[in-house]
């Protein structure tokens, strides 16, 4: 199942997994990345749930931004290798 999901999200994962420079992986970074992804997913959900009816569609901007950040962080957190997790943190 993980390999199927990795193939599905390969456009996102290849951005962060490419390269051969040395890196220092910390397992806590993956846990924090998943936690941040859950927070952004929660923010996107809360914006959708608590917007009053009849409001302009401008409220979709935070939903899209928070949703995309949540998607990238959760995909890299759950499916990415150590290089991807380290690269998203900017560690070299």
Protein backbone atom coordinates (compact mmCIF):
# COMPACT_ATOMS: atom_id res chain seq x y z
CA UNK A 1 0.00 0.00 0.00
CA UNK A 2 2.84 2.37 0.83
CA UNK A 3 4.44 1.84 -2.58
CA UNK A 4 1.16 2.67 -4.32
CA UNK A 5 0.85 5.89 -2.32
CA UNK A 6 4.50 6.72 -3.02
CA UNK A 7 3.82 6.33 -6.75
CA UNK A 8 0.69 8.48 -6.48
CA UNK A 9 2.52 11.27 -4.65
CA UNK A 10 5.82 10.90 -6.51
CA UNK A 11 5.68 14.45 -7.98
CA UNK A 12 5.78 15.84 -4.43
CA UNK A 13 8.28 13.32 -3.09
CA UNK A 14 10.81 13.67 -5.91
CA UNK A 15 11.22 17.37 -5.15
CA UNK A 16 12.41 16.60 -1.63
CA UNK A 17 14.13 13.23 -2.15
CA UNK A 18 16.51 14.19 -4.95
CA UNK A 19 20.14 15.06 -4.31
CA UNK A 20 23.19 13.35 -2.93
CA UNK A 21 24.54 15.91 -0.51
CA UNK A 22 25.19 14.77 3.06
CA UNK A 23 22.44 15.25 5.60
CA UNK A 24 21.80 14.66 9.27
CA UNK A 25 18.46 12.95 10.01
CA UNK A 26 16.66 13.31 13.34
CA UNK A 27 13.60 11.15 13.97
CA UNK A 28 11.96 13.93 15.98
CA UNK A 29 11.80 16.05 12.80
CA UNK A 30 9.42 13.53 11.21
CA UNK A 31 7.12 13.59 14.23
CA UNK A 32 7.07 17.39 14.30
CA UNK A 33 6.41 17.49 10.55
CA UNK A 34 3.41 15.18 10.89
CA UNK A 35 2.11 17.23 13.83
CA UNK A 36 2.43 20.44 11.81
CA UNK A 37 0.60 18.80 8.91
CA UNK A 38 -2.25 17.86 11.21
CA UNK A 39 -2.42 21.41 12.56
CA UNK A 40 -2.62 22.89 9.05
CA UNK A 41 -5.26 20.32 8.04
CA UNK A 42 -7.25 21.29 11.12
CA UNK A 43 -6.94 24.98 10.26
CA UNK A 44 -8.20 24.38 6.73
CA UNK A 45 -11.11 22.37 8.08
CA UNK A 46 -12.01 25.00 10.67
CA UNK A 47 -12.04 27.75 8.05
CA UNK A 48 -14.44 25.71 5.91
CA UNK A 49 -16.70 24.86 8.85
CA UNK A 50 -16.97 28.27 10.49
CA UNK A 51 -17.38 30.56 7.49
CA UNK A 52 -20.88 32.05 7.49
CA UNK A 53 -23.17 31.45 4.53
CA UNK A 54 -23.16 34.07 1.78
CA UNK A 55 -19.54 35.15 2.28
CA UNK A 56 -17.40 35.95 -0.76
CA UNK A 57 -15.29 33.10 -2.13
CA UNK A 58 -12.15 34.84 -0.87
CA UNK A 59 -12.29 32.57 2.17
CA UNK A 60 -11.06 29.78 -0.09
CA UNK A 61 -7.57 31.30 -0.24
CA UNK A 62 -6.65 30.25 3.32
CA UNK A 63 -8.32 26.88 2.77
CA UNK A 64 -6.19 26.25 -0.32
CA UNK A 65 -2.97 27.50 1.30
CA UNK A 66 -3.45 25.59 4.56
CA UNK A 67 -4.64 22.52 2.66
CA UNK A 68 -1.63 22.46 0.35
CA UNK A 69 0.79 22.93 3.25
CA UNK A 70 -0.97 20.12 5.11
CA UNK A 71 -0.83 17.86 2.05
CA UNK A 72 2.89 18.39 1.47
CA UNK A 73 3.90 18.02 5.11
CA UNK A 74 1.77 14.91 5.67
CA UNK A 75 2.95 13.24 2.45
CA UNK A 76 6.61 13.92 3.25
CA UNK A 77 6.08 13.01 6.92
CA UNK A 78 4.37 9.68 6.28
CA UNK A 79 5.79 8.58 2.92
CA UNK A 80 9.07 10.44 2.44
CA UNK A 81 12.49 9.05 3.19
CA UNK A 82 14.98 10.55 5.65
CA UNK A 83 16.44 12.86 3.00
CA UNK A 84 13.01 14.34 2.24
CA UNK A 85 12.28 15.01 5.91
CA UNK A 86 15.69 16.60 6.39
CA UNK A 87 15.38 18.66 3.21
CA UNK A 88 12.00 20.11 4.19
CA UNK A 89 13.61 21.35 7.42
CA UNK A 90 16.49 22.87 5.47
CA UNK A 91 19.23 20.94 7.32
CA UNK A 92 22.37 20.12 5.38
